[in-house]
Amino acid sequence: MIHPWKNNSLPVCRSRPIEDFRTRLYLISPPAIDLDAFEEAAKAALSGGDIACFQLRLKDQPADVIRAATERLMPLFQEHEVAFLLNDDPKLAKELGTDGVHVGQDDTPYKEARAIVGEQAIVGVTCHNSRHLAMTAAENGADYVAFGAFYPTTTKDAKFSAEPELLSWWSSLVETPCVAIGGITVDNAEPLIKSGADFLAISGGIWNHSDGPEAAVRDLNRVIDNLIAS
């Protein structure tokens, strides 16, 4: 089972300057996909550079569609040491042997999801812009907390907005990794990296990039590496 944030990707000390850690990419699928076309897009993204995690988020799609997509895509991502998560279906995640599951505040409760997928699997939790929700998730053992939306997004109906300061506050106090999400692109990622995001969760900024997914992944990694080197 691939678990990037339990595999020396994060230091023990969370109060650290940017050069002491490296933000990584967390890709999220569009809410609906043409499987053949998306497989090619995924291959392109994987050829662009470092990716830590991929979440299959086929909202409101039948289980058979999610199952078919997982069976096709999971081996591809895992072959590149990229953790493969399902969105809010811990039972299906358990059945298919994914690396974990992501749950929202209106989805399967964290403790129930954890009981289903087991202690070794990843369980991440959406926390919007709430410090309280994030603290509760971390205290309950969540593997990461996701904050956002940081920027306007067309991928989903974002009812909450977050500021980069939230990432700075979290990363200075808590060991549980934080994921920044919402409208992130090559052009606006820098403030979130500087603020301490451990992972950038990106959908449209990858799949809708004008030069394609490979260029998006390559350029985002370049932004990250340039900030570390500066």
C-alpha atoms as a PDB file:
ATOM      1  CA  MET A   1       0.000   0.000   0.000  1.00  0.00           C
ATOM      2  CA  ILE A   2       1.382   3.389  -1.044  1.00  0.00           C
ATOM      3  CA  HIS A   3       1.317   6.021   1.681  1.00  0.00           C
ATOM      4  CA  PRO A   4       3.402   9.059   0.643  1.00  0.00           C
ATOM      5  CA  TRP A   5       3.153  10.953   3.919  1.00  0.00           C
ATOM      6  CA  LYS A   6       4.339   7.955   5.932  1.00  0.00           C
ATOM      7  CA  ASN A   7       7.304   7.318   3.666  1.00  0.00           C
ATOM      8  CA  ASN A   8       9.848   9.945   4.703  1.00  0.00           C
ATOM      9  CA  SER A   9       8.147  12.604   2.610  1.00  0.00           C
ATOM     10  CA  LEU A  10       7.601  14.826   5.649  1.00  0.00           C
ATOM     11  CA  PRO A  11       9.949  15.800   8.466  1.00  0.00           C
ATOM     12  CA  VAL A  12       9.004  15.214  12.091  1.00  0.00           C
ATOM     13  CA  CYS A  13       9.274  18.913  12.928  1.00  0.00           C
ATOM     14  CA  ARG A  14       6.518  20.987  11.335  1.00  0.00           C
ATOM     15  CA  SER A  15       7.936  24.409  12.214  1.00  0.00           C
ATOM     16  CA  ARG A  16      10.331  24.592   9.307  1.00  0.00           C
ATOM     17  CA  PRO A  17      11.469  26.962   6.575  1.00  0.00           C
ATOM     18  CA  ILE A  18      10.428  26.173   3.014  1.00  0.00           C
ATOM     19  CA  GLU A  19      13.828  24.752   2.092  1.00  0.00           C
ATOM     20  CA  ASP A  20      13.372  21.988   4.701  1.00  0.00           C
ATOM     21  CA  PHE A  21      10.380  20.353   3.021  1.00  0.00           C
ATOM     22  CA  ARG A  22       8.937  19.903  -0.431  1.00  0.00           C
ATOM     23  CA  THR A  23       5.329  20.465  -1.394  1.00  0.00           C
ATOM     24  CA  ARG A  24       4.019  17.658  -3.595  1.00  0.00           C
ATOM     25  CA  LEU A  25       1.169  17.309  -6.069  1.00  0.00           C
ATOM     26  CA  TYR A  26      -2.147  15.591  -5.346  1.00  0.00           C
ATOM     27  CA  LEU A  27      -4.156  15.138  -8.540  1.00  0.00           C
ATOM     28  CA  ILE A  28      -7.944  14.845  -8.595  1.00  0.00           C
ATOM     29  CA  SER A  29      -9.953  13.516 -11.522  1.00  0.00           C
ATOM     30  CA  PRO A  30     -12.722  15.509 -13.183  1.00  0.00           C
ATOM     31  CA  PRO A  31     -16.214  14.572 -11.915  1.00  0.00           C
ATOM     32  CA  ALA A  32     -16.896  12.640 -15.148  1.00  0.00           C
ATOM     33  CA  ILE A  33     -14.406  11.117 -17.563  1.00  0.00           C
ATOM     34  CA  ASP A  34     -14.110   9.267 -20.840  1.00  0.00           C
ATOM     35  CA  LEU A  35     -11.981   6.412 -19.563  1.00  0.00           C
ATOM     36  CA  ASP A  36      -9.892   5.884 -22.698  1.00  0.00           C
ATOM     37  CA  ALA A  37      -9.144   9.581 -23.105  1.00  0.00           C
ATOM     38  CA  PHE A  38      -8.479  10.098 -19.409  1.00  0.00           C
ATOM     39  CA  GLU A  39      -6.061   7.171 -19.271  1.00  0.00           C
ATOM     40  CA  GLU A  40      -3.948   8.931 -21.901  1.00  0.00           C
ATOM     41  CA  ALA A  41      -4.176  12.205 -19.972  1.00  0.00           C
ATOM     42  CA  ALA A  42      -3.080  10.400 -16.810  1.00  0.00           C
ATOM     43  CA  LYS A  43      -0.090   8.890 -18.601  1.00  0.00           C
ATOM     44  CA  ALA A  44       0.871  12.353 -19.784  1.00  0.00           C
ATOM     45  CA  ALA A  45       0.576  13.790 -16.268  1.00  0.00           C
ATOM     46  CA  LEU A  46       2.710  11.002 -14.832  1.00  0.00           C
ATOM     47  CA  SER A  47       5.435  11.716 -17.354  1.00  0.00           C
ATOM     48  CA  GLY A  48       5.595  15.337 -16.207  1.00  0.00           C
ATOM     49  CA  GLY A  49       7.320  14.754 -12.867  1.00  0.00           C
ATOM     50  CA  ASP A  50       6.670  14.163  -9.184  1.00  0.00           C
ATOM     51  CA  ILE A  51       3.112  13.309  -8.106  1.00  0.00           C
ATOM     52  CA  ALA A  52       2.294  12.011  -4.621  1.00  0.00           C
ATOM     53  CA  CYS A  53      -1.354  11.086  -4.834  1.00  0.00           C
ATOM     54  CA  PHE A  54      -4.339  10.718  -7.153  1.00  0.00           C
ATOM     55  CA  GLN A  55      -7.994  10.836  -6.118  1.00  0.00           C
ATOM     56  CA  LEU A  56     -10.680   9.338  -8.341  1.00  0.00           C
ATOM     57  CA  ARG A  57     -13.605  11.674  -7.776  1.00  0.00           C
ATOM     58  CA  LEU A  58     -16.472  10.566 -10.014  1.00  0.00           C
ATOM     59  CA  LYS A  59     -19.289  12.265  -8.159  1.00  0.00           C
ATOM     60  CA  ASP A  60     -22.747  10.750  -8.605  1.00  0.00           C
ATOM     61  CA  GLN A  61     -21.423   8.076 -10.973  1.00  0.00           C
ATOM     62  CA  PRO A  62     -22.625   4.453 -10.615  1.00  0.00           C
ATOM     63  CA  ALA A  63     -20.442   2.042  -8.692  1.00  0.00           C
ATOM     64  CA  ASP A  64     -19.772   0.026 -11.854  1.00  0.00           C
ATOM     65  CA  VAL A  65     -18.327   3.111 -13.550  1.00  0.00           C
ATOM     66  CA  ILE A  66     -16.079   3.843 -10.564  1.00  0.00           C
ATOM     67  CA  ARG A  67     -15.069   0.190 -10.360  1.00  0.00           C
ATOM     68  CA  ALA A  68     -14.119   0.061 -14.045  1.00  0.00           C
ATOM     69  CA  ALA A  69     -12.136   3.300 -13.788  1.00  0.00           C
ATOM     70  CA  THR A  70     -10.313   2.106 -10.679  1.00  0.00           C
ATOM     71  CA  GLU A  71      -9.402  -1.226 -12.229  1.00  0.00           C
ATOM     72  CA  ARG A  72      -7.971   0.579 -15.261  1.00  0.00           C
ATOM     73  CA  LEU A  73      -6.271   3.535 -13.584  1.00  0.00           C
ATOM     74  CA  MET A  74      -5.055   2.276 -10.214  1.00  0.00           C
ATOM     75  CA  PRO A  75      -2.296   0.024 -11.607  1.00  0.00           C
ATOM     76  CA  LEU A  76      -1.085   2.912 -13.770  1.00  0.00           C
ATOM     77  CA  PHE A  77      -0.692   5.298 -10.849  1.00  0.00           C
ATOM     78  CA  GLN A  78       0.641   2.729  -8.405  1.00  0.00           C
ATOM     79  CA  GLU A  79       3.269   1.662 -10.928  1.00  0.00           C
ATOM     80  CA  HIS A  80       4.623   5.209 -10.529  1.00  0.00           C
ATOM     81  CA  GLU A  81       4.429   5.038  -6.708  1.00  0.00           C
ATOM     82  CA  VAL A  82       1.432   7.378  -6.662  1.00  0.00           C
ATOM     83  CA  ALA A  83      -1.149   6.651  -3.963  1.00  0.00           C
ATOM     84  CA  PHE A  84      -4.626   5.954  -5.383  1.00  0.00           C
ATOM     85  CA  LEU A  85      -7.648   7.163  -3.370  1.00  0.00           C
ATOM     86  CA  LEU A  86     -11.384   6.992  -3.936  1.00  0.00           C
ATOM     87  CA  ASN A  87     -13.707   9.826  -3.074  1.00  0.00           C
ATOM     88  CA  ASP A  88     -16.268   8.973  -0.367  1.00  0.00           C
ATOM     89  CA  ASP A  89     -16.813   5.282  -0.896  1.00  0.00           C
ATOM     90  CA  PRO A  90     -14.854   3.423   1.779  1.00  0.00           C
ATOM     91  CA  LYS A  91     -16.660   0.149   1.097  1.00  0.00           C
ATOM     92  CA  LEU A  92     -15.720   0.222  -2.573  1.00  0.00           C
ATOM     93  CA  ALA A  93     -12.208   1.396  -1.668  1.00  0.00           C
ATOM     94  CA  LYS A  94     -11.868  -1.625   0.597  1.00  0.00           C
ATOM     95  CA  GLU A  95     -13.266  -3.963  -2.045  1.00  0.00           C
ATOM     96  CA  LEU A  96     -10.912  -2.708  -4.743  1.00  0.00           C
ATOM     97  CA  GLY A  97      -7.852  -2.444  -2.520  1.00  0.00           C
ATOM     98  CA  THR A  98      -7.148   1.233  -3.089  1.00  0.00           C
ATOM     99  CA  ASP A  99      -4.598   3.044  -0.965  1.00  0.00           C
ATOM    100  CA  GLY A 100      -7.340   4.907   0.828  1.00  0.00           C
ATOM    101  CA  VAL A 101     -10.355   7.179   0.704  1.00  0.00           C
ATOM    102  CA  HIS A 102     -11.167  10.876   0.978  1.00  0.00           C
ATOM    103  CA  VAL A 103     -14.301  11.949   2.843  1.00  0.00           C
ATOM    104  CA  GLY A 104     -16.079  15.279   3.040  1.00  0.00           C
ATOM    105  CA  GLN A 105     -18.054  16.717   5.909  1.00  0.00           C
ATOM    106  CA  ASP A 106     -21.314  15.537   4.310  1.00  0.00           C
ATOM    107  CA  ASP A 107     -19.934  12.129   3.324  1.00  0.00           C
ATOM    108  CA  THR A 108     -19.228   8.970   5.307  1.00  0.00           C
ATOM    109  CA  PRO A 109     -18.092  10.026   8.817  1.00  0.00           C
ATOM    110  CA  TYR A 110     -14.350   9.706   9.381  1.00  0.00           C
ATOM    111  CA  LYS A 111     -14.545   7.052  12.109  1.00  0.00           C
ATOM    112  CA  GLU A 112     -16.840   4.889   9.999  1.00  0.00           C
ATOM    113  CA  ALA A 113     -14.571   5.255   6.972  1.00  0.00           C
ATOM    114  CA  ARG A 114     -11.532   4.321   9.059  1.00  0.00           C
ATOM    115  CA  ALA A 115     -13.266   1.247  10.455  1.00  0.00           C
ATOM    116  CA  ILE A 116     -14.057   0.077   6.927  1.00  0.00           C
ATOM    117  CA  VAL A 117     -10.716   0.653   5.179  1.00  0.00           C
ATOM    118  CA  GLY A 118      -8.476  -0.218   8.127  1.00  0.00           C
ATOM    119  CA  GLU A 119      -5.584   1.379   9.944  1.00  0.00           C
ATOM    120  CA  GLN A 120      -3.045   1.004   7.141  1.00  0.00           C
ATOM    121  CA  ALA A 121      -5.112   2.842   4.526  1.00  0.00           C
ATOM    122  CA  ILE A 122      -5.130   6.601   3.977  1.00  0.00           C
ATOM    123  CA  VAL A 123      -8.172   8.519   5.183  1.00  0.00           C
ATOM    124  CA  GLY A 124      -8.207  12.221   4.351  1.00  0.00           C
ATOM    125  CA  VAL A 125     -10.858  14.693   5.471  1.00  0.00           C
ATOM    126  CA  THR A 126     -12.228  17.888   3.940  1.00  0.00           C
ATOM    127  CA  CYS A 127     -12.150  20.654   6.547  1.00  0.00           C
ATOM    128  CA  HIS A 128     -13.055  23.687   4.399  1.00  0.00           C
ATOM    129  CA  ASN A 129     -11.708  26.757   6.244  1.00  0.00           C
ATOM    130  CA  SER A 130     -12.393  25.457   9.760  1.00  0.00           C
ATOM    131  CA  ARG A 131      -9.633  25.131  12.319  1.00  0.00           C
ATOM    132  CA  HIS A 132     -12.032  23.271  14.592  1.00  0.00           C
ATOM    133  CA  LEU A 133     -12.927  20.657  11.974  1.00  0.00           C
ATOM    134  CA  ALA A 134      -9.264  20.184  11.141  1.00  0.00           C
ATOM    135  CA  MET A 135      -8.215  19.791  14.756  1.00  0.00           C
ATOM    136  CA  THR A 136     -10.997  17.273  15.332  1.00  0.00           C
ATOM    137  CA  ALA A 137      -9.988  15.291  12.250  1.00  0.00           C
ATOM    138  CA  ALA A 138      -6.336  15.269  13.278  1.00  0.00           C
ATOM    139  CA  GLU A 139      -7.148  14.234  16.839  1.00  0.00           C
ATOM    140  CA  ASN A 140      -9.251  11.365  15.463  1.00  0.00           C
ATOM    141  CA  GLY A 141      -6.307  10.139  13.405  1.00  0.00           C
ATOM    142  CA  ALA A 142      -6.928  11.504   9.912  1.00  0.00           C
ATOM    143  CA  ASP A 143      -3.918  11.095   7.654  1.00  0.00           C
ATOM    144  CA  TYR A 144      -4.364  14.572   6.220  1.00  0.00           C
ATOM    145  CA  VAL A 145      -6.729  17.525   6.369  1.00  0.00           C
ATOM    146  CA  ALA A 146      -7.790  19.426   3.254  1.00  0.00           C
ATOM    147  CA  PHE A 147      -8.392  23.184   3.356  1.00  0.00           C
ATOM    148  CA  GLY A 148     -10.071  25.298   0.680  1.00  0.00           C
ATOM    149  CA  ALA A 149     -11.212  26.579  -1.641  1.00  0.00           C
ATOM    150  CA  PHE A 150      -8.283  28.971  -1.929  1.00  0.00           C
ATOM    151  CA  TYR A 151      -9.276  30.255  -5.362  1.00  0.00           C
ATOM    152  CA  PRO A 152     -12.449  30.233  -7.472  1.00  0.00           C
ATOM    153  CA  THR A 153     -13.061  26.843  -9.028  1.00  0.00           C
ATOM    154  CA  THR A 154     -15.381  25.417 -11.654  1.00  0.00           C
ATOM    155  CA  THR A 155     -14.724  21.794 -10.695  1.00  0.00           C
ATOM    156  CA  LYS A 156     -17.226  21.865  -7.832  1.00  0.00           C
ATOM    157  CA  ASP A 157     -19.580  24.234  -6.041  1.00  0.00           C
ATOM    158  CA  ALA A 158     -17.225  25.640  -3.422  1.00  0.00           C
ATOM    159  CA  LYS A 159     -19.248  26.977  -0.478  1.00  0.00           C
ATOM    160  CA  PHE A 160     -16.201  27.937   1.588  1.00  0.00           C
ATOM    161  CA  SER A 161     -13.113  30.035   0.923  1.00  0.00           C
ATOM    162  CA  ALA A 162      -9.784  29.854   2.731  1.00  0.00           C
ATOM    163  CA  GLU A 163      -6.742  32.110   3.013  1.00  0.00           C
ATOM    164  CA  PRO A 164      -3.082  31.023   2.840  1.00  0.00           C
ATOM    165  CA  GLU A 165      -2.603  32.126   6.447  1.00  0.00           C
ATOM    166  CA  LEU A 166      -4.600  29.075   7.493  1.00  0.00           C
ATOM    167  CA  LEU A 167      -1.882  26.839   6.033  1.00  0.00           C
ATOM    168  CA  SER A 168       0.827  28.770   7.870  1.00  0.00           C
ATOM    169  CA  TRP A 169      -1.023  28.456  11.165  1.00  0.00           C
ATOM    170  CA  TRP A 170      -1.629  24.744  10.694  1.00  0.00           C
ATOM    171  CA  SER A 171       1.858  23.798   9.554  1.00  0.00           C
ATOM    172  CA  SER A 172       3.453  25.641  12.480  1.00  0.00           C
ATOM    173  CA  LEU A 173       1.425  23.722  15.066  1.00  0.00           C
ATOM    174  CA  VAL A 174       0.310  20.321  13.827  1.00  0.00           C
ATOM    175  CA  GLU A 175       2.157  17.305  12.410  1.00  0.00           C
ATOM    176  CA  THR A 176      -0.804  16.048  10.376  1.00  0.00           C
ATOM    177  CA  PRO A 177      -0.180  17.062   6.733  1.00  0.00           C
ATOM    178  CA  CYS A 178      -2.365  19.708   5.126  1.00  0.00           C
ATOM    179  CA  VAL A 179      -3.676  19.693   1.574  1.00  0.00           C
ATOM    180  CA  ALA A 180      -4.587  22.938  -0.214  1.00  0.00           C
ATOM    181  CA  ILE A 181      -7.437  22.671  -2.705  1.00  0.00           C
ATOM    182  CA  GLY A 182      -9.553  24.871  -4.917  1.00  0.00           C
ATOM    183  CA  GLY A 183      -8.733  26.554  -8.218  1.00  0.00           C
ATOM    184  CA  ILE A 184      -4.977  25.981  -7.972  1.00  0.00           C
ATOM    185  CA  THR A 185      -2.940  26.475 -11.137  1.00  0.00           C
ATOM    186  CA  VAL A 186       0.665  26.967 -12.161  1.00  0.00           C
ATOM    187  CA  ASP A 187       0.123  30.723 -11.954  1.00  0.00           C
ATOM    188  CA  ASN A 188      -1.306  30.938  -8.422  1.00  0.00           C
ATOM    189  CA  ALA A 189       0.326  28.050  -6.557  1.00  0.00           C
ATOM    190  CA  GLU A 190       3.282  29.981  -5.137  1.00  0.00           C
ATOM    191  CA  PRO A 191       1.532  31.623  -2.122  1.00  0.00           C
ATOM    192  CA  LEU A 192       0.184  28.250  -0.986  1.00  0.00           C
ATOM    193  CA  ILE A 193       3.595  26.623  -1.234  1.00  0.00           C
ATOM    194  CA  LYS A 194       5.182  29.468   0.712  1.00  0.00           C
ATOM    195  CA  SER A 195       2.464  29.190   3.362  1.00  0.00           C
ATOM    196  CA  GLY A 196       3.291  25.565   4.111  1.00  0.00           C
ATOM    197  CA  ALA A 197       0.939  23.400   2.051  1.00  0.00           C
ATOM    198  CA  ASP A 198       2.278  19.867   2.147  1.00  0.00           C
ATOM    199  CA  PHE A 199       0.224  18.921  -0.899  1.00  0.00           C
ATOM    200  CA  LEU A 200      -1.521  20.873  -3.669  1.00  0.00           C
ATOM    201  CA  ALA A 201      -4.754  19.154  -4.727  1.00  0.00           C
ATOM    202  CA  ILE A 202      -5.445  20.078  -8.334  1.00  0.00           C
ATOM    203  CA  SER A 203      -7.994  19.040 -10.930  1.00  0.00           C
ATOM    204  CA  GLY A 204      -8.766  21.595 -13.656  1.00  0.00           C
ATOM    205  CA  GLY A 205      -5.315  23.162 -13.328  1.00  0.00           C
ATOM    206  CA  ILE A 206      -3.882  19.862 -14.563  1.00  0.00           C
ATOM    207  CA  TRP A 207      -6.423  18.412 -16.992  1.00  0.00           C
ATOM    208  CA  ASN A 208      -7.426  21.747 -18.556  1.00  0.00           C
ATOM    209  CA  HIS A 209      -3.941  23.217 -18.849  1.00  0.00           C
ATOM    210  CA  SER A 210      -3.480  24.860 -22.253  1.00  0.00           C
ATOM    211  CA  ASP A 211      -0.337  22.841 -22.953  1.00  0.00           C
ATOM    212  CA  GLY A 212      -1.652  19.583 -21.511  1.00  0.00           C
ATOM    213  CA  PRO A 213      -1.280  17.617 -18.251  1.00  0.00           C
ATOM    214  CA  GLU A 214       2.399  16.807 -18.743  1.00  0.00           C
ATOM    215  CA  ALA A 215       3.281  20.496 -19.005  1.00  0.00           C
ATOM    216  CA  ALA A 216       1.104  21.343 -15.997  1.00  0.00           C
ATOM    217  CA  VAL A 217       2.818  18.784 -13.752  1.00  0.00           C
ATOM    218  CA  ARG A 218       6.251  19.767 -15.037  1.00  0.00           C
ATOM    219  CA  ASP A 219       5.635  23.492 -14.530  1.00  0.00           C
ATOM    220  CA  LEU A 220       4.160  23.056 -11.041  1.00  0.00           C
ATOM    221  CA  ASN A 221       7.157  21.000  -9.961  1.00  0.00           C
ATOM    222  CA  ARG A 222       9.405  23.684 -11.385  1.00  0.00           C
ATOM    223  CA  VAL A 223       7.620  26.329  -9.299  1.00  0.00           C
ATOM    224  CA  ILE A 224       8.094  24.176  -6.184  1.00  0.00           C
ATOM    225  CA  ASP A 225      11.769  23.499  -6.861  1.00  0.00           C
ATOM    226  CA  ASN A 226      12.503  27.157  -7.698  1.00  0.00           C
ATOM    227  CA  LEU A 227      11.024  28.265  -4.383  1.00  0.00           C
ATOM    228  CA  ILE A 228      13.117  25.739  -2.511  1.00  0.00           C
ATOM    229  CA  ALA A 229      16.257  26.871  -4.337  1.00  0.00           C
ATOM    230  CA  SER A 230      15.622  30.591  -3.882  1.00  0.00           C
END
